[in-house]
């Protein structure tokens, strides 16, 4: 899925959205049950911003909630599930 960089508060993100909010990278994987935070100093993710405005987060993103798990990658704005 091709993600979309947005400039709105993270609680308004749709699946696949990502953006920078108040100095922190946030994303919502293409999974309806989660929001995630990247690059906030406590995360294990490195976020690289590319010339075209897309981002790459590494390593892979793992989100576990009470309703399930999503594991995958965000590379140059493209979401890919493991």
PDB file of N, CA and C in Angstrom:
ATOM      1  N   UNK A   1       0.849  -1.179   0.000  1.00  0.00           N
ATOM      2  CA  UNK A   1       0.000   0.000   0.000  1.00  0.00           C
ATOM      3  C   UNK A   1       0.889   1.234   0.000  1.00  0.00           C
ATOM      4  N   UNK A   2       0.535   2.204  -0.828  1.00  0.00           N
ATOM      5  CA  UNK A   2       1.246   3.476  -0.820  1.00  0.00           C
ATOM      6  C   UNK A   2       0.663   4.338   0.281  1.00  0.00           C
ATOM      7  N   UNK A   3       1.537   4.780   1.184  1.00  0.00           N
ATOM      8  CA  UNK A   3       1.107   5.626   2.283  1.00  0.00           C
ATOM      9  C   UNK A   3       0.943   7.061   1.841  1.00  0.00           C
ATOM     10  N   UNK A   4       0.440   7.874   2.747  1.00  0.00           N
ATOM     11  CA  UNK A   4       0.216   9.281   2.455  1.00  0.00           C
ATOM     12  C   UNK A   4       0.773  10.112   3.609  1.00  0.00           C
ATOM     13  N   UNK A   5       1.674  11.052   3.272  1.00  0.00           N
ATOM     14  CA  UNK A   5       2.179  11.959   4.300  1.00  0.00           C
ATOM     15  C   UNK A   5       1.121  13.032   4.532  1.00  0.00           C
ATOM     16  N   UNK A   6       0.767  13.211   5.794  1.00  0.00           N
ATOM     17  CA  UNK A   6      -0.280  14.154   6.152  1.00  0.00           C
ATOM     18  C   UNK A   6       0.230  15.151   7.179  1.00  0.00           C
ATOM     19  N   UNK A   7      -0.493  16.256   7.304  1.00  0.00           N
ATOM     20  CA  UNK A   7      -0.138  17.300   8.255  1.00  0.00           C
ATOM     21  C   UNK A   7      -1.350  17.604   9.131  1.00  0.00           C
ATOM     22  N   UNK A   8      -1.804  16.563   9.841  1.00  0.00           N
ATOM     23  CA  UNK A   8      -2.935  16.692  10.761  1.00  0.00           C
ATOM     24  C   UNK A   8      -2.565  15.996  12.061  1.00  0.00           C
ATOM     25  N   UNK A   9      -3.341  16.221  13.096  1.00  0.00           N
ATOM     26  CA  UNK A   9      -3.088  15.557  14.373  1.00  0.00           C
ATOM     27  C   UNK A   9      -3.162  14.045  14.191  1.00  0.00           C
ATOM     28  N   UNK A  10      -2.245  13.296  14.828  1.00  0.00           N
ATOM     29  CA  UNK A  10      -2.182  11.841  14.628  1.00  0.00           C
ATOM     30  C   UNK A  10      -3.482  11.092  14.883  1.00  0.00           C
ATOM     31  N   UNK A  11      -4.331  11.564  15.790  1.00  0.00           N
ATOM     32  CA  UNK A  11      -5.584  10.838  16.036  1.00  0.00           C
ATOM     33  C   UNK A  11      -6.531  10.909  14.831  1.00  0.00           C
ATOM     34  N   UNK A  12      -6.219  11.757  13.842  1.00  0.00           N
ATOM     35  CA  UNK A  12      -7.035  11.874  12.636  1.00  0.00           C
ATOM     36  C   UNK A  12      -6.492  11.042  11.469  1.00  0.00           C
ATOM     37  N   UNK A  13      -5.381  10.349  11.681  1.00  0.00           N
ATOM     38  CA  UNK A  13      -4.763   9.572  10.603  1.00  0.00           C
ATOM     39  C   UNK A  13      -5.673   8.447  10.138  1.00  0.00           C
ATOM     40  N   UNK A  14      -5.652   8.229   8.844  1.00  0.00           N
ATOM     41  CA  UNK A  14      -6.314   7.095   8.218  1.00  0.00           C
ATOM     42  C   UNK A  14      -5.270   5.984   8.039  1.00  0.00           C
ATOM     43  N   UNK A  15      -5.694   4.731   7.829  1.00  0.00           N
ATOM     44  CA  UNK A  15      -4.719   3.665   7.595  1.00  0.00           C
ATOM     45  C   UNK A  15      -3.775   4.016   6.443  1.00  0.00           C
ATOM     46  N   UNK A  16      -2.471   3.907   6.706  1.00  0.00           N
ATOM     47  CA  UNK A  16      -1.439   4.210   5.724  1.00  0.00           C
ATOM     48  C   UNK A  16      -0.830   5.590   5.865  1.00  0.00           C
ATOM     49  N   UNK A  17      -1.437   6.467   6.670  1.00  0.00           N
ATOM     50  CA  UNK A  17      -0.923   7.824   6.847  1.00  0.00           C
ATOM     51  C   UNK A  17       0.317   7.851   7.744  1.00  0.00           C
ATOM     52  N   UNK A  18       1.146   8.854   7.516  1.00  0.00           N
ATOM     53  CA  UNK A  18       2.299   9.112   8.375  1.00  0.00           C
ATOM     54  C   UNK A  18       2.612  10.597   8.307  1.00  0.00           C
ATOM     55  N   UNK A  19       3.288  11.099   9.345  1.00  0.00           N
ATOM     56  CA  UNK A  19       3.635  12.516   9.329  1.00  0.00           C
ATOM     57  C   UNK A  19       4.417  12.921  10.556  1.00  0.00           C
ATOM     58  N   UNK A  20       4.872  14.140  10.517  1.00  0.00           N
ATOM     59  CA  UNK A  20       5.645  14.731  11.604  1.00  0.00           C
ATOM     60  C   UNK A  20       4.716  15.662  12.367  1.00  0.00           C
ATOM     61  N   UNK A  21       4.574  15.426  13.662  1.00  0.00           N
ATOM     62  CA  UNK A  21       3.696  16.226  14.500  1.00  0.00           C
ATOM     63  C   UNK A  21       4.425  16.608  15.768  1.00  0.00           C
ATOM     64  N   UNK A  22       4.604  17.896  15.977  1.00  0.00           N
ATOM     65  CA  UNK A  22       5.294  18.427  17.155  1.00  0.00           C
ATOM     66  C   UNK A  22       6.653  17.760  17.355  1.00  0.00           C
ATOM     67  N   UNK A  23       7.384  17.573  16.262  1.00  0.00           N
ATOM     68  CA  UNK A  23       8.741  17.037  16.321  1.00  0.00           C
ATOM     69  C   UNK A  23       8.837  15.528  16.408  1.00  0.00           C
ATOM     70  N   UNK A  24       7.707  14.823  16.387  1.00  0.00           N
ATOM     71  CA  UNK A  24       7.699  13.362  16.465  1.00  0.00           C
ATOM     72  C   UNK A  24       7.094  12.779  15.195  1.00  0.00           C
ATOM     73  N   UNK A  25       7.654  11.663  14.737  1.00  0.00           N
ATOM     74  CA  UNK A  25       7.081  10.945  13.598  1.00  0.00           C
ATOM     75  C   UNK A  25       6.000  10.008  14.091  1.00  0.00           C
ATOM     76  N   UNK A  26       4.838  10.095  13.474  1.00  0.00           N
ATOM     77  CA  UNK A  26       3.729   9.207  13.775  1.00  0.00           C
ATOM     78  C   UNK A  26       3.312   8.487  12.501  1.00  0.00           C
ATOM     79  N   UNK A  27       2.715   7.326  12.681  1.00  0.00           N
ATOM     80  CA  UNK A  27       2.201   6.599  11.528  1.00  0.00           C
ATOM     81  C   UNK A  27       0.998   5.781  11.942  1.00  0.00           C
ATOM     82  N   UNK A  28       0.206   5.441  10.954  1.00  0.00           N
ATOM     83  CA  UNK A  28      -0.887   4.492  11.157  1.00  0.00           C
ATOM     84  C   UNK A  28      -0.762   3.449  10.061  1.00  0.00           C
ATOM     85  N   UNK A  29      -0.264   2.279  10.411  1.00  0.00           N
ATOM     86  CA  UNK A  29      -0.121   1.212   9.417  1.00  0.00           C
ATOM     87  C   UNK A  29      -1.455   0.904   8.748  1.00  0.00           C
ATOM     88  N   UNK A  30      -1.413   0.255   7.606  1.00  0.00           N
ATOM     89  CA  UNK A  30      -2.644  -0.096   6.906  1.00  0.00           C
ATOM     90  C   UNK A  30      -3.366  -1.244   7.610  1.00  0.00           C
ATOM     91  N   UNK A  31      -3.662  -1.020   8.865  1.00  0.00           N
ATOM     92  CA  UNK A  31      -4.331  -1.983   9.736  1.00  0.00           C
ATOM     93  C   UNK A  31      -5.255  -1.175  10.625  1.00  0.00           C
ATOM     94  N   UNK A  32      -6.526  -1.412  10.562  1.00  0.00           N
ATOM     95  CA  UNK A  32      -7.514  -0.529  11.183  1.00  0.00           C
ATOM     96  C   UNK A  32      -7.450  -0.448  12.706  1.00  0.00           C
ATOM     97  N   UNK A  33      -6.678  -1.300  13.350  1.00  0.00           N
ATOM     98  CA  UNK A  33      -6.685  -1.350  14.810  1.00  0.00           C
ATOM     99  C   UNK A  33      -5.570  -0.575  15.500  1.00  0.00           C
ATOM    100  N   UNK A  34      -4.735   0.170  14.760  1.00  0.00           N
ATOM    101  CA  UNK A  34      -3.571   0.723  15.465  1.00  0.00           C
ATOM    102  C   UNK A  34      -3.164   2.106  15.024  1.00  0.00           C
ATOM    103  N   UNK A  35      -2.506   2.766  15.939  1.00  0.00           N
ATOM    104  CA  UNK A  35      -1.726   3.971  15.687  1.00  0.00           C
ATOM    105  C   UNK A  35      -0.339   3.647  16.207  1.00  0.00           C
ATOM    106  N   UNK A  36       0.678   4.254  15.650  1.00  0.00           N
ATOM    107  CA  UNK A  36       2.033   3.994  16.128  1.00  0.00           C
ATOM    108  C   UNK A  36       2.840   5.270  16.153  1.00  0.00           C
ATOM    109  N   UNK A  37       3.845   5.311  16.976  1.00  0.00           N
ATOM    110  CA  UNK A  37       4.726   6.465  17.073  1.00  0.00           C
ATOM    111  C   UNK A  37       6.135   6.015  16.736  1.00  0.00           C
ATOM    112  N   UNK A  38       6.805   6.761  15.875  1.00  0.00           N
ATOM    113  CA  UNK A  38       8.167   6.428  15.470  1.00  0.00           C
ATOM    114  C   UNK A  38       9.099   7.600  15.735  1.00  0.00           C
ATOM    115  N   UNK A  39      10.341   7.305  16.049  1.00  0.00           N
ATOM    116  CA  UNK A  39      11.366   8.335  16.136  1.00  0.00           C
ATOM    117  C   UNK A  39      11.171   9.329  17.249  1.00  0.00           C
ATOM    118  N   UNK A  40      10.640   8.894  18.374  1.00  0.00           N
ATOM    119  CA  UNK A  40      10.362   9.824  19.459  1.00  0.00           C
ATOM    120  C   UNK A  40      11.422   9.809  20.553  1.00  0.00           C
ATOM    121  N   UNK A  41      12.565   9.189  20.298  1.00  0.00           N
ATOM    122  CA  UNK A  41      13.620   9.148  21.293  1.00  0.00           C
ATOM    123  C   UNK A  41      13.520   7.942  22.210  1.00  0.00           C
ATOM    124  N   UNK A  42      12.348   7.341  22.325  1.00  0.00           N
ATOM    125  CA  UNK A  42      12.193   6.137  23.129  1.00  0.00           C
ATOM    126  C   UNK A  42      11.940   4.936  22.239  1.00  0.00           C
ATOM    127  N   UNK A  43      11.728   5.200  20.965  1.00  0.00           N
ATOM    128  CA  UNK A  43      11.462   4.139  20.008  1.00  0.00           C
ATOM    129  C   UNK A  43      12.772   3.522  19.539  1.00  0.00           C
ATOM    130  N   UNK A  44      12.687   2.328  19.018  1.00  0.00           N
ATOM    131  CA  UNK A  44      13.859   1.656  18.468  1.00  0.00           C
ATOM    132  C   UNK A  44      13.966   1.885  16.970  1.00  0.00           C
ATOM    133  N   UNK A  45      13.216   2.841  16.442  1.00  0.00           N
ATOM    134  CA  UNK A  45      13.189   3.078  15.004  1.00  0.00           C
ATOM    135  C   UNK A  45      14.020   4.285  14.597  1.00  0.00           C
ATOM    136  N   UNK A  46      14.690   4.138  13.471  1.00  0.00           N
ATOM    137  CA  UNK A  46      15.374   5.259  12.830  1.00  0.00           C
ATOM    138  C   UNK A  46      14.477   5.684  11.675  1.00  0.00           C
ATOM    139  N   UNK A  47      14.171   6.961  11.596  1.00  0.00           N
ATOM    140  CA  UNK A  47      13.330   7.473  10.519  1.00  0.00           C
ATOM    141  C   UNK A  47      14.201   8.313   9.595  1.00  0.00           C
ATOM    142  N   UNK A  48      14.171   7.962   8.314  1.00  0.00           N
ATOM    143  CA  UNK A  48      14.905   8.701   7.288  1.00  0.00           C
ATOM    144  C   UNK A  48      13.889   9.401   6.399  1.00  0.00           C
ATOM    145  N   UNK A  49      14.047  10.710   6.269  1.00  0.00           N
ATOM    146  CA  UNK A  49      13.169  11.476   5.388  1.00  0.00           C
ATOM    147  C   UNK A  49      13.866  11.633   4.038  1.00  0.00           C
ATOM    148  N   UNK A  50      13.168  11.296   2.973  1.00  0.00           N
ATOM    149  CA  UNK A  50      13.732  11.348   1.622  1.00  0.00           C
ATOM    150  C   UNK A  50      13.368  12.666   0.940  1.00  0.00           C
ATOM    151  N   UNK A  51      14.079  12.967  -0.161  1.00  0.00           N
ATOM    152  CA  UNK A  51      13.917  14.227  -0.885  1.00  0.00           C
ATOM    153  C   UNK A  51      12.467  14.477  -1.308  1.00  0.00           C
ATOM    154  N   UNK A  52      11.737  13.423  -1.612  1.00  0.00           N
ATOM    155  CA  UNK A  52      10.360  13.558  -2.090  1.00  0.00           C
ATOM    156  C   UNK A  52       9.333  13.656  -0.953  1.00  0.00           C
ATOM    157  N   UNK A  53       9.805  13.683   0.305  1.00  0.00           N
ATOM    158  CA  UNK A  53       8.908  13.803   1.453  1.00  0.00           C
ATOM    159  C   UNK A  53       8.467  12.492   2.049  1.00  0.00           C
ATOM    160  N   UNK A  54       8.778  11.367   1.374  1.00  0.00           N
ATOM    161  CA  UNK A  54       8.452  10.064   1.944  1.00  0.00           C
ATOM    162  C   UNK A  54       9.444   9.744   3.054  1.00  0.00           C
ATOM    163  N   UNK A  55       9.122   8.728   3.847  1.00  0.00           N
ATOM    164  CA  UNK A  55      10.039   8.309   4.907  1.00  0.00           C
ATOM    165  C   UNK A  55      10.262   6.798   4.848  1.00  0.00           C
ATOM    166  N   UNK A  56      11.365   6.399   5.454  1.00  0.00           N
ATOM    167  CA  UNK A  56      11.670   4.994   5.702  1.00  0.00           C
ATOM    168  C   UNK A  56      11.899   4.852   7.192  1.00  0.00           C
ATOM    169  N   UNK A  57      11.262   3.863   7.800  1.00  0.00           N
ATOM    170  CA  UNK A  57      11.455   3.568   9.217  1.00  0.00           C
ATOM    171  C   UNK A  57      12.143   2.211   9.313  1.00  0.00           C
ATOM    172  N   UNK A  58      13.195   2.153  10.108  1.00  0.00           N
ATOM    173  CA  UNK A  58      13.875   0.864  10.283  1.00  0.00           C
ATOM    174  C   UNK A  58      14.244   0.700  11.751  1.00  0.00           C
ATOM    175  N   UNK A  59      14.217  -0.508  12.262  1.00  0.00           N
ATOM    176  CA  UNK A  59      13.882  -1.753  11.578  1.00  0.00           C
ATOM    177  C   UNK A  59      12.374  -1.859  11.338  1.00  0.00           C
ATOM    178  N   UNK A  60      11.901  -3.078  11.121  1.00  0.00           N
ATOM    179  CA  UNK A  60      10.478  -3.306  10.859  1.00  0.00           C
ATOM    180  C   UNK A  60       9.633  -2.786  12.023  1.00  0.00           C
ATOM    181  N   UNK A  61       8.370  -2.546  11.725  1.00  0.00           N
ATOM    182  CA  UNK A  61       7.422  -2.014  12.704  1.00  0.00           C
ATOM    183  C   UNK A  61       6.549  -3.165  13.204  1.00  0.00           C
ATOM    184  N   UNK A  62       6.515  -3.338  14.508  1.00  0.00           N
ATOM    185  CA  UNK A  62       5.699  -4.371  15.129  1.00  0.00           C
ATOM    186  C   UNK A  62       4.752  -3.689  16.105  1.00  0.00           C
ATOM    187  N   UNK A  63       3.459  -3.859  15.875  1.00  0.00           N
ATOM    188  CA  UNK A  63       2.451  -3.279  16.760  1.00  0.00           C
ATOM    189  C   UNK A  63       1.554  -4.401  17.251  1.00  0.00           C
ATOM    190  N   UNK A  64       1.467  -4.509  18.582  1.00  0.00           N
ATOM    191  CA  UNK A  64       0.628  -5.539  19.195  1.00  0.00           C
ATOM    192  C   UNK A  64      -0.421  -4.850  20.050  1.00  0.00           C
ATOM    193  N   UNK A  65      -1.673  -5.241  19.840  1.00  0.00           N
ATOM    194  CA  UNK A  65      -2.776  -4.706  20.642  1.00  0.00           C
ATOM    195  C   UNK A  65      -3.619  -5.882  21.136  1.00  0.00           C
ATOM    196  N   UNK A  66      -4.633  -5.560  21.882  1.00  0.00           N
ATOM    197  CA  UNK A  66      -5.505  -6.613  22.401  1.00  0.00           C
ATOM    198  C   UNK A  66      -6.308  -7.292  21.290  1.00  0.00           C
ATOM    199  N   UNK A  67      -6.387  -6.670  20.111  1.00  0.00           N
ATOM    200  CA  UNK A  67      -7.158  -7.260  19.011  1.00  0.00           C
ATOM    201  C   UNK A  67      -6.281  -7.918  17.948  1.00  0.00           C
ATOM    202  N   UNK A  68      -4.963  -7.885  18.128  1.00  0.00           N
ATOM    203  CA  UNK A  68      -4.100  -8.548  17.164  1.00  0.00           C
ATOM    204  C   UNK A  68      -2.749  -7.886  17.008  1.00  0.00           C
ATOM    205  N   UNK A  69      -2.048  -8.302  15.961  1.00  0.00           N
ATOM    206  CA  UNK A  69      -0.681  -7.854  15.709  1.00  0.00           C
ATOM    207  C   UNK A  69      -0.529  -7.444  14.254  1.00  0.00           C
ATOM    208  N   UNK A  70       0.236  -6.364  14.030  1.00  0.00           N
ATOM    209  CA  UNK A  70       0.632  -5.982  12.685  1.00  0.00           C
ATOM    210  C   UNK A  70       2.146  -5.875  12.669  1.00  0.00           C
ATOM    211  N   UNK A  71       2.772  -6.483  11.652  1.00  0.00           N
ATOM    212  CA  UNK A  71       4.223  -6.450  11.533  1.00  0.00           C
ATOM    213  C   UNK A  71       4.565  -6.189  10.078  1.00  0.00           C
ATOM    214  N   UNK A  72       5.388  -5.168   9.841  1.00  0.00           N
ATOM    215  CA  UNK A  72       5.756  -4.865   8.469  1.00  0.00           C
ATOM    216  C   UNK A  72       6.750  -3.732   8.377  1.00  0.00           C
ATOM    217  N   UNK A  73       6.841  -3.150   7.189  1.00  0.00           N
ATOM    218  CA  UNK A  73       7.833  -2.127   6.880  1.00  0.00           C
ATOM    219  C   UNK A  73       7.174  -0.901   6.279  1.00  0.00           C
ATOM    220  N   UNK A  74       7.790   0.245   6.506  1.00  0.00           N
ATOM    221  CA  UNK A  74       7.459   1.478   5.816  1.00  0.00           C
ATOM    222  C   UNK A  74       8.744   1.939   5.146  1.00  0.00           C
ATOM    223  N   UNK A  75       8.812   1.787   3.821  1.00  0.00           N
ATOM    224  CA  UNK A  75      10.017   2.115   3.056  1.00  0.00           C
ATOM    225  C   UNK A  75       9.660   3.076   1.935  1.00  0.00           C
ATOM    226  N   UNK A  76      10.235   4.282   1.998  1.00  0.00           N
ATOM    227  CA  UNK A  76       9.964   5.322   0.995  1.00  0.00           C
ATOM    228  C   UNK A  76       8.459   5.532   0.791  1.00  0.00           C
ATOM    229  N   UNK A  77       7.723   5.502   1.919  1.00  0.00           N
ATOM    230  CA  UNK A  77       6.290   5.761   1.887  1.00  0.00           C
ATOM    231  C   UNK A  77       5.427   4.584   1.488  1.00  0.00           C
ATOM    232  N   UNK A  78       6.040   3.426   1.253  1.00  0.00           N
ATOM    233  CA  UNK A  78       5.293   2.233   0.861  1.00  0.00           C
ATOM    234  C   UNK A  78       5.225   1.276   2.053  1.00  0.00           C
ATOM    235  N   UNK A  79       4.018   0.864   2.395  1.00  0.00           N
ATOM    236  CA  UNK A  79       3.799  -0.100   3.474  1.00  0.00           C
ATOM    237  C   UNK A  79       3.851  -1.512   2.915  1.00  0.00           C
ATOM    238  N   UNK A  80       4.548  -2.387   3.633  1.00  0.00           N
ATOM    239  CA  UNK A  80       4.639  -3.797   3.230  1.00  0.00           C
ATOM    240  C   UNK A  80       4.551  -4.649   4.483  1.00  0.00           C
ATOM    241  N   UNK A  81       3.570  -5.530   4.528  1.00  0.00           N
ATOM    242  CA  UNK A  81       3.387  -6.413   5.681  1.00  0.00           C
ATOM    243  C   UNK A  81       4.321  -7.627   5.575  1.00  0.00           C
ATOM    244  N   UNK A  82       4.845  -8.054   6.721  1.00  0.00           N
ATOM    245  CA  UNK A  82       5.710  -9.255   6.761  1.00  0.00           C
ATOM    246  C   UNK A  82       4.871 -10.492   6.593  1.00  0.00           C
TER     247      UNK A  82
END
